[in-house]
């Protein structure tokens, strides 16, 4: 029972992890596209990023609760994953702050930075691509783990069906054996009645035979007596 509960907790954690990786990869992609936008389009992207970060933060809290509910053997590795995801989320929060202008001249300064092709802008773009690749890689790994869990569940289900089939066959065999035993009991009962009747008939025949012998002996005695007295 404990093993089943641990497996359920692990599946819940993996579900949260997969959702987080999807959100993180999507946010990295949006950040990369938002850095070259202006005006309302950029505001919309920034709003999407803020909402996604809030959702990702909620998922991390849920993952933390699930990880702390698991046995000590797996808790450490799950908490290590969560720390890595928190660092990733902090990077996204930093990127969000960078995309949010703090003064009216920020957009112009950013435009000049992009136009000038300075190494800082290239480094930011490289960081975004690296984070996007990392998020995509984590998403793929999480998807592989989910597929592996599903394969394990399917194998377990097939094993359970096979066991149930074997149990059904054993039940049918037991029912057949029970029916056979009932048939044997009926046959034994009939044989017992037949033997009882035969025994009664033999006893009755013995009494009849004894009576006939007694009568014959008495008749012989009477005949002898009558001859001796004449």
C-alpha atoms as a PDB file:
ATOM      1  CA  UNK A   1       0.000   0.000   0.000  1.00  0.00           C
ATOM      2  CA  UNK A   2       2.866   2.390   0.857  1.00  0.00           C
ATOM      3  CA  UNK A   3       4.523   1.668  -2.499  1.00  0.00           C
ATOM      4  CA  UNK A   4       1.286   2.578  -4.314  1.00  0.00           C
ATOM      5  CA  UNK A   5       1.034   5.882  -2.405  1.00  0.00           C
ATOM      6  CA  UNK A   6       4.671   6.748  -3.199  1.00  0.00           C
ATOM      7  CA  UNK A   7       4.072   5.994  -6.887  1.00  0.00           C
ATOM      8  CA  UNK A   8       0.999   8.269  -6.908  1.00  0.00           C
ATOM      9  CA  UNK A   9       2.990  11.121  -5.305  1.00  0.00           C
ATOM     10  CA  UNK A  10       5.749  10.681  -7.899  1.00  0.00           C
ATOM     11  CA  UNK A  11       3.214  10.826 -10.737  1.00  0.00           C
ATOM     12  CA  UNK A  12       1.685  14.019  -9.296  1.00  0.00           C
ATOM     13  CA  UNK A  13       5.149  15.593  -9.031  1.00  0.00           C
ATOM     14  CA  UNK A  14       5.998  14.585 -12.599  1.00  0.00           C
ATOM     15  CA  UNK A  15       2.728  16.110 -13.788  1.00  0.00           C
ATOM     16  CA  UNK A  16       3.567  19.432 -12.111  1.00  0.00           C
ATOM     17  CA  UNK A  17       7.133  19.203 -13.438  1.00  0.00           C
ATOM     18  CA  UNK A  18       5.955  18.670 -17.000  1.00  0.00           C
ATOM     19  CA  UNK A  19       3.580  21.653 -16.748  1.00  0.00           C
ATOM     20  CA  UNK A  20       6.389  23.820 -15.383  1.00  0.00           C
ATOM     21  CA  UNK A  21       8.794  22.820 -18.158  1.00  0.00           C
ATOM     22  CA  UNK A  22       6.159  23.633 -20.786  1.00  0.00           C
ATOM     23  CA  UNK A  23       5.518  27.044 -19.226  1.00  0.00           C
ATOM     24  CA  UNK A  24       9.258  27.757 -18.837  1.00  0.00           C
ATOM     25  CA  UNK A  25       9.982  26.871 -22.475  1.00  0.00           C
ATOM     26  CA  UNK A  26       7.070  29.022 -23.628  1.00  0.00           C
ATOM     27  CA  UNK A  27       8.178  31.955 -21.451  1.00  0.00           C
ATOM     28  CA  UNK A  28      11.737  31.731 -22.786  1.00  0.00           C
ATOM     29  CA  UNK A  29      10.368  31.862 -26.324  1.00  0.00           C
ATOM     30  CA  UNK A  30       8.150  34.855 -25.500  1.00  0.00           C
ATOM     31  CA  UNK A  31      11.046  36.675 -23.827  1.00  0.00           C
ATOM     32  CA  UNK A  32      13.193  36.170 -26.912  1.00  0.00           C
ATOM     33  CA  UNK A  33      10.460  37.554 -29.181  1.00  0.00           C
ATOM     34  CA  UNK A  34       9.485  40.404 -26.839  1.00  0.00           C
ATOM     35  CA  UNK A  35      12.998  41.826 -26.725  1.00  0.00           C
ATOM     36  CA  UNK A  36      12.668  43.051 -30.332  1.00  0.00           C
ATOM     37  CA  UNK A  37       9.112  44.405 -30.032  1.00  0.00           C
ATOM     38  CA  UNK A  38       7.821  47.860 -29.099  1.00  0.00           C
ATOM     39  CA  UNK A  39       4.583  49.489 -28.059  1.00  0.00           C
ATOM     40  CA  UNK A  40       1.395  47.575 -27.358  1.00  0.00           C
ATOM     41  CA  UNK A  41       2.751  44.303 -28.713  1.00  0.00           C
ATOM     42  CA  UNK A  42       5.557  44.410 -26.211  1.00  0.00           C
ATOM     43  CA  UNK A  43       3.190  45.290 -23.360  1.00  0.00           C
ATOM     44  CA  UNK A  44       1.034  42.320 -24.278  1.00  0.00           C
ATOM     45  CA  UNK A  45       4.051  40.023 -24.308  1.00  0.00           C
ATOM     46  CA  UNK A  46       5.241  41.389 -20.961  1.00  0.00           C
ATOM     47  CA  UNK A  47       1.786  40.769 -19.505  1.00  0.00           C
ATOM     48  CA  UNK A  48       1.857  37.182 -20.813  1.00  0.00           C
ATOM     49  CA  UNK A  49       5.288  36.663 -19.272  1.00  0.00           C
ATOM     50  CA  UNK A  50       4.127  38.026 -15.898  1.00  0.00           C
ATOM     51  CA  UNK A  51       1.101  35.720 -15.902  1.00  0.00           C
ATOM     52  CA  UNK A  52       3.218  32.736 -16.912  1.00  0.00           C
ATOM     53  CA  UNK A  53       5.766  33.453 -14.168  1.00  0.00           C
ATOM     54  CA  UNK A  54       2.982  33.600 -11.595  1.00  0.00           C
ATOM     55  CA  UNK A  55       1.604  30.270 -12.824  1.00  0.00           C
ATOM     56  CA  UNK A  56       5.088  28.726 -12.815  1.00  0.00           C
ATOM     57  CA  UNK A  57       5.668  29.997  -9.276  1.00  0.00           C
ATOM     58  CA  UNK A  58       2.424  28.318  -8.160  1.00  0.00           C
ATOM     59  CA  UNK A  59       3.525  25.044  -9.759  1.00  0.00           C
ATOM     60  CA  UNK A  60       6.882  25.208  -7.960  1.00  0.00           C
ATOM     61  CA  UNK A  61       5.095  25.610  -4.621  1.00  0.00           C
ATOM     62  CA  UNK A  62       2.952  22.585  -5.394  1.00  0.00           C
ATOM     63  CA  UNK A  63       6.030  20.596  -6.435  1.00  0.00           C
ATOM     64  CA  UNK A  64       7.735  21.597  -3.170  1.00  0.00           C
ATOM     65  CA  UNK A  65       4.771  20.319  -1.140  1.00  0.00           C
ATOM     66  CA  UNK A  66       4.737  17.030  -3.057  1.00  0.00           C
ATOM     67  CA  UNK A  67       8.509  16.607  -2.709  1.00  0.00           C
ATOM     68  CA  UNK A  68       8.399  17.136   1.056  1.00  0.00           C
ATOM     69  CA  UNK A  69       5.689  14.460   1.322  1.00  0.00           C
ATOM     70  CA  UNK A  70       7.841  11.785  -0.325  1.00  0.00           C
ATOM     71  CA  UNK A  71      10.178   9.375   1.539  1.00  0.00           C
ATOM     72  CA  UNK A  72      13.684  10.538   2.403  1.00  0.00           C
ATOM     73  CA  UNK A  73      15.191   8.399  -0.355  1.00  0.00           C
ATOM     74  CA  UNK A  74      13.630  10.485  -3.147  1.00  0.00           C
ATOM     75  CA  UNK A  75      13.034  13.777  -1.336  1.00  0.00           C
ATOM     76  CA  UNK A  76      16.610  15.069  -1.774  1.00  0.00           C
ATOM     77  CA  UNK A  77      16.670  14.571  -5.559  1.00  0.00           C
ATOM     78  CA  UNK A  78      13.243  16.189  -5.983  1.00  0.00           C
ATOM     79  CA  UNK A  79      14.224  19.206  -3.865  1.00  0.00           C
ATOM     80  CA  UNK A  80      17.417  19.564  -5.930  1.00  0.00           C
ATOM     81  CA  UNK A  81      15.266  19.713  -9.083  1.00  0.00           C
ATOM     82  CA  UNK A  82      13.067  22.359  -7.489  1.00  0.00           C
ATOM     83  CA  UNK A  83      16.106  24.504  -6.627  1.00  0.00           C
ATOM     84  CA  UNK A  84      17.207  24.293 -10.256  1.00  0.00           C
ATOM     85  CA  UNK A  85      13.755  25.300 -11.449  1.00  0.00           C
ATOM     86  CA  UNK A  86      13.682  28.202  -8.976  1.00  0.00           C
ATOM     87  CA  UNK A  87      16.973  29.479 -10.389  1.00  0.00           C
ATOM     88  CA  UNK A  88      15.485  29.201 -13.858  1.00  0.00           C
ATOM     89  CA  UNK A  89      12.375  31.086 -12.740  1.00  0.00           C
ATOM     90  CA  UNK A  90      14.511  33.804 -11.131  1.00  0.00           C
ATOM     91  CA  UNK A  91      16.262  34.236 -14.484  1.00  0.00           C
ATOM     92  CA  UNK A  92      12.870  34.667 -16.131  1.00  0.00           C
ATOM     93  CA  UNK A  93      11.885  37.222 -13.483  1.00  0.00           C
ATOM     94  CA  UNK A  94      15.113  39.121 -14.159  1.00  0.00           C
ATOM     95  CA  UNK A  95      14.350  39.043 -17.866  1.00  0.00           C
ATOM     96  CA  UNK A  96      10.843  40.345 -17.151  1.00  0.00           C
ATOM     97  CA  UNK A  97      12.265  43.275 -15.184  1.00  0.00           C
ATOM     98  CA  UNK A  98      14.630  44.011 -18.063  1.00  0.00           C
ATOM     99  CA  UNK A  99      11.719  44.035 -20.500  1.00  0.00           C
ATOM    100  CA  UNK A 100       9.697  46.387 -18.286  1.00  0.00           C
ATOM    101  CA  UNK A 101      10.987  49.973 -18.878  1.00  0.00           C
ATOM    102  CA  UNK A 102      11.773  51.879 -15.698  1.00  0.00           C
ATOM    103  CA  UNK A 103      11.837  55.297 -17.384  1.00  0.00           C
ATOM    104  CA  UNK A 104      10.659  56.894 -20.669  1.00  0.00           C
ATOM    105  CA  UNK A 105      14.150  56.770 -22.143  1.00  0.00           C
ATOM    106  CA  UNK A 106      14.527  53.033 -21.596  1.00  0.00           C
ATOM    107  CA  UNK A 107      12.921  52.063 -24.897  1.00  0.00           C
ATOM    108  CA  UNK A 108      15.167  54.456 -26.812  1.00  0.00           C
ATOM    109  CA  UNK A 109      18.242  53.218 -25.010  1.00  0.00           C
ATOM    110  CA  UNK A 110      17.295  49.615 -25.730  1.00  0.00           C
ATOM    111  CA  UNK A 111      16.716  50.484 -29.386  1.00  0.00           C
ATOM    112  CA  UNK A 112      20.121  52.055 -29.612  1.00  0.00           C
ATOM    113  CA  UNK A 113      21.624  49.040 -27.952  1.00  0.00           C
ATOM    114  CA  UNK A 114      20.039  46.671 -30.452  1.00  0.00           C
ATOM    115  CA  UNK A 115      20.964  48.843 -33.426  1.00  0.00           C
ATOM    116  CA  UNK A 116      24.547  49.247 -32.320  1.00  0.00           C
ATOM    117  CA  UNK A 117      24.993  45.472 -32.156  1.00  0.00           C
ATOM    118  CA  UNK A 118      26.979  45.718 -28.947  1.00  0.00           C
ATOM    119  CA  UNK A 119      28.279  42.486 -27.377  1.00  0.00           C
ATOM    120  CA  UNK A 120      25.899  42.987 -24.395  1.00  0.00           C
ATOM    121  CA  UNK A 121      22.865  42.644 -26.645  1.00  0.00           C
ATOM    122  CA  UNK A 122      24.357  39.593 -28.296  1.00  0.00           C
ATOM    123  CA  UNK A 123      25.052  38.097 -24.877  1.00  0.00           C
ATOM    124  CA  UNK A 124      21.449  38.669 -23.787  1.00  0.00           C
ATOM    125  CA  UNK A 125      20.196  36.959 -26.923  1.00  0.00           C
ATOM    126  CA  UNK A 126      22.594  34.069 -26.374  1.00  0.00           C
ATOM    127  CA  UNK A 127      21.405  33.737 -22.773  1.00  0.00           C
ATOM    128  CA  UNK A 128      17.808  33.648 -23.948  1.00  0.00           C
ATOM    129  CA  UNK A 129      18.588  30.956 -26.509  1.00  0.00           C
ATOM    130  CA  UNK A 130      20.492  28.968 -23.894  1.00  0.00           C
ATOM    131  CA  UNK A 131      17.625  29.201 -21.429  1.00  0.00           C
ATOM    132  CA  UNK A 132      15.155  28.215 -24.128  1.00  0.00           C
ATOM    133  CA  UNK A 133      17.275  25.196 -25.026  1.00  0.00           C
ATOM    134  CA  UNK A 134      17.568  24.186 -21.363  1.00  0.00           C
ATOM    135  CA  UNK A 135      13.805  24.527 -20.871  1.00  0.00           C
ATOM    136  CA  UNK A 136      13.145  22.498 -24.001  1.00  0.00           C
ATOM    137  CA  UNK A 137      15.587  19.813 -22.849  1.00  0.00           C
ATOM    138  CA  UNK A 138      13.907  19.619 -19.421  1.00  0.00           C
ATOM    139  CA  UNK A 139      10.525  19.408 -21.119  1.00  0.00           C
ATOM    140  CA  UNK A 140      11.737  16.520 -23.288  1.00  0.00           C
ATOM    141  CA  UNK A 141      13.156  14.710 -20.256  1.00  0.00           C
ATOM    142  CA  UNK A 142       9.932  15.231 -18.344  1.00  0.00           C
ATOM    143  CA  UNK A 143       7.945  13.925 -21.311  1.00  0.00           C
ATOM    144  CA  UNK A 144      10.199  10.855 -21.486  1.00  0.00           C
ATOM    145  CA  UNK A 145       9.637  10.199 -17.774  1.00  0.00           C
ATOM    146  CA  UNK A 146       5.879  10.502 -18.228  1.00  0.00           C
ATOM    147  CA  UNK A 147       6.027   8.065 -21.163  1.00  0.00           C
ATOM    148  CA  UNK A 148       8.131   5.658 -19.104  1.00  0.00           C
ATOM    149  CA  UNK A 149       5.634   5.913 -16.242  1.00  0.00           C
ATOM    150  CA  UNK A 150       2.801   5.190 -18.657  1.00  0.00           C
ATOM    151  CA  UNK A 151       4.656   2.164 -20.054  1.00  0.00           C
ATOM    152  CA  UNK A 152       5.206   0.921 -16.503  1.00  0.00           C
ATOM    153  CA  UNK A 153       1.526   1.431 -15.718  1.00  0.00           C
ATOM    154  CA  UNK A 154       0.533  -0.430 -18.893  1.00  0.00           C
ATOM    155  CA  UNK A 155       2.891  -3.305 -18.044  1.00  0.00           C
ATOM    156  CA  UNK A 156       1.473  -3.405 -14.523  1.00  0.00           C
ATOM    157  CA  UNK A 157      -2.068  -3.344 -15.915  1.00  0.00           C
ATOM    158  CA  UNK A 158      -1.282  -6.212 -18.313  1.00  0.00           C
ATOM    159  CA  UNK A 159       0.233  -8.184 -15.436  1.00  0.00           C
ATOM    160  CA  UNK A 160      -2.857  -7.523 -13.352  1.00  0.00           C
ATOM    161  CA  UNK A 161      -5.142  -8.660 -16.182  1.00  0.00           C
ATOM    162  CA  UNK A 162      -3.052 -11.819 -16.598  1.00  0.00           C
ATOM    163  CA  UNK A 163      -3.257 -12.535 -12.866  1.00  0.00           C
ATOM    164  CA  UNK A 164      -7.022 -11.955 -12.878  1.00  0.00           C
ATOM    165  CA  UNK A 165      -7.342 -14.305 -15.862  1.00  0.00           C
ATOM    166  CA  UNK A 166      -5.346 -16.985 -14.041  1.00  0.00           C
ATOM    167  CA  UNK A 167      -7.450 -16.507 -10.917  1.00  0.00           C
ATOM    168  CA  UNK A 168     -10.616 -16.826 -13.003  1.00  0.00           C
ATOM    169  CA  UNK A 169      -9.370 -20.075 -14.513  1.00  0.00           C
ATOM    170  CA  UNK A 170      -8.458 -21.380 -11.059  1.00  0.00           C
ATOM    171  CA  UNK A 171     -11.912 -20.409  -9.809  1.00  0.00           C
ATOM    172  CA  UNK A 172     -13.537 -22.278 -12.693  1.00  0.00           C
ATOM    173  CA  UNK A 173     -11.348 -25.307 -11.921  1.00  0.00           C
ATOM    174  CA  UNK A 174     -12.360 -25.178  -8.259  1.00  0.00           C
ATOM    175  CA  UNK A 175     -16.038 -24.878  -9.205  1.00  0.00           C
ATOM    176  CA  UNK A 176     -15.686 -27.835 -11.571  1.00  0.00           C
ATOM    177  CA  UNK A 177     -13.917 -29.839  -8.854  1.00  0.00           C
ATOM    178  CA  UNK A 178     -16.650 -28.877  -6.395  1.00  0.00           C
ATOM    179  CA  UNK A 179     -19.323 -30.031  -8.841  1.00  0.00           C
ATOM    180  CA  UNK A 180     -17.428 -33.291  -9.364  1.00  0.00           C
ATOM    181  CA  UNK A 181     -17.198 -33.815  -5.603  1.00  0.00           C
ATOM    182  CA  UNK A 182     -20.931 -33.243  -5.262  1.00  0.00           C
ATOM    183  CA  UNK A 183     -21.477 -35.832  -7.993  1.00  0.00           C
ATOM    184  CA  UNK A 184     -19.193 -38.290  -6.169  1.00  0.00           C
ATOM    185  CA  UNK A 185     -21.045 -37.602  -2.911  1.00  0.00           C
ATOM    186  CA  UNK A 186     -24.369 -38.343  -4.612  1.00  0.00           C
ATOM    187  CA  UNK A 187     -22.955 -41.568  -6.082  1.00  0.00           C
ATOM    188  CA  UNK A 188     -21.576 -42.625  -2.690  1.00  0.00           C
ATOM    189  CA  UNK A 189     -24.931 -41.817  -1.092  1.00  0.00           C
ATOM    190  CA  UNK A 190     -26.795 -43.966  -3.598  1.00  0.00           C
ATOM    191  CA  UNK A 191     -24.282 -46.790  -3.176  1.00  0.00           C
ATOM    192  CA  UNK A 192     -24.663 -46.592   0.591  1.00  0.00           C
ATOM    193  CA  UNK A 193     -28.443 -46.849   0.333  1.00  0.00           C
ATOM    194  CA  UNK A 194     -28.100 -49.817  -2.046  1.00  0.00           C
ATOM    195  CA  UNK A 195     -25.709 -51.597   0.320  1.00  0.00           C
ATOM    196  CA  UNK A 196     -28.040 -50.906   3.251  1.00  0.00           C
ATOM    197  CA  UNK A 197     -30.967 -52.392   1.363  1.00  0.00           C
ATOM    198  CA  UNK A 198     -28.876 -55.421   0.374  1.00  0.00           C
ATOM    199  CA  UNK A 199     -27.794 -55.906   3.988  1.00  0.00           C
ATOM    200  CA  UNK A 200     -31.386 -55.766   5.161  1.00  0.00           C
ATOM    201  CA  UNK A 201     -32.414 -58.311   2.527  1.00  0.00           C
ATOM    202  CA  UNK A 202     -29.553 -60.630   3.522  1.00  0.00           C
ATOM    203  CA  UNK A 203     -30.569 -60.405   7.177  1.00  0.00           C
ATOM    204  CA  UNK A 204     -34.190 -61.132   6.261  1.00  0.00           C
ATOM    205  CA  UNK A 205     -33.130 -64.093   4.117  1.00  0.00           C
ATOM    206  CA  UNK A 206     -31.017 -65.397   7.014  1.00  0.00           C
ATOM    207  CA  UNK A 207     -34.028 -65.296   9.345  1.00  0.00           C
ATOM    208  CA  UNK A 208     -36.186 -67.037   6.768  1.00  0.00           C
ATOM    209  CA  UNK A 209     -33.566 -69.711   6.200  1.00  0.00           C
ATOM    210  CA  UNK A 210     -33.115 -70.215   9.928  1.00  0.00           C
ATOM    211  CA  UNK A 211     -36.875 -70.556  10.354  1.00  0.00           C
ATOM    212  CA  UNK A 212     -37.060 -73.160   7.587  1.00  0.00           C
ATOM    213  CA  UNK A 213     -34.182 -75.129   9.108  1.00  0.00           C
ATOM    214  CA  UNK A 214     -35.856 -75.011  12.521  1.00  0.00           C
ATOM    215  CA  UNK A 215     -39.141 -76.226  11.092  1.00  0.00           C
ATOM    216  CA  UNK A 216     -37.405 -79.062   9.254  1.00  0.00           C
ATOM    217  CA  UNK A 217     -35.549 -80.117  12.418  1.00  0.00           C
ATOM    218  CA  UNK A 218     -38.779 -80.099  14.404  1.00  0.00           C
ATOM    219  CA  UNK A 219     -40.469 -82.129  11.686  1.00  0.00           C
ATOM    220  CA  UNK A 220     -37.688 -84.717  11.727  1.00  0.00           C
ATOM    221  CA  UNK A 221     -37.872 -84.917  15.511  1.00  0.00           C
ATOM    222  CA  UNK A 222     -41.642 -85.441  15.423  1.00  0.00           C
ATOM    223  CA  UNK A 223     -41.301 -88.118  12.781  1.00  0.00           C
ATOM    224  CA  UNK A 224     -38.664 -89.959  14.756  1.00  0.00           C
ATOM    225  CA  UNK A 225     -40.675 -89.641  17.946  1.00  0.00           C
ATOM    226  CA  UNK A 226     -43.789 -91.028  16.330  1.00  0.00           C
ATOM    227  CA  UNK A 227     -41.907 -94.015  14.943  1.00  0.00           C
ATOM    228  CA  UNK A 228     -40.296 -94.760  18.261  1.00  0.00           C
ATOM    229  CA  UNK A 229     -43.555 -94.644  20.173  1.00  0.00           C
ATOM    230  CA  UNK A 230     -45.472 -96.957  17.763  1.00  0.00           C
END
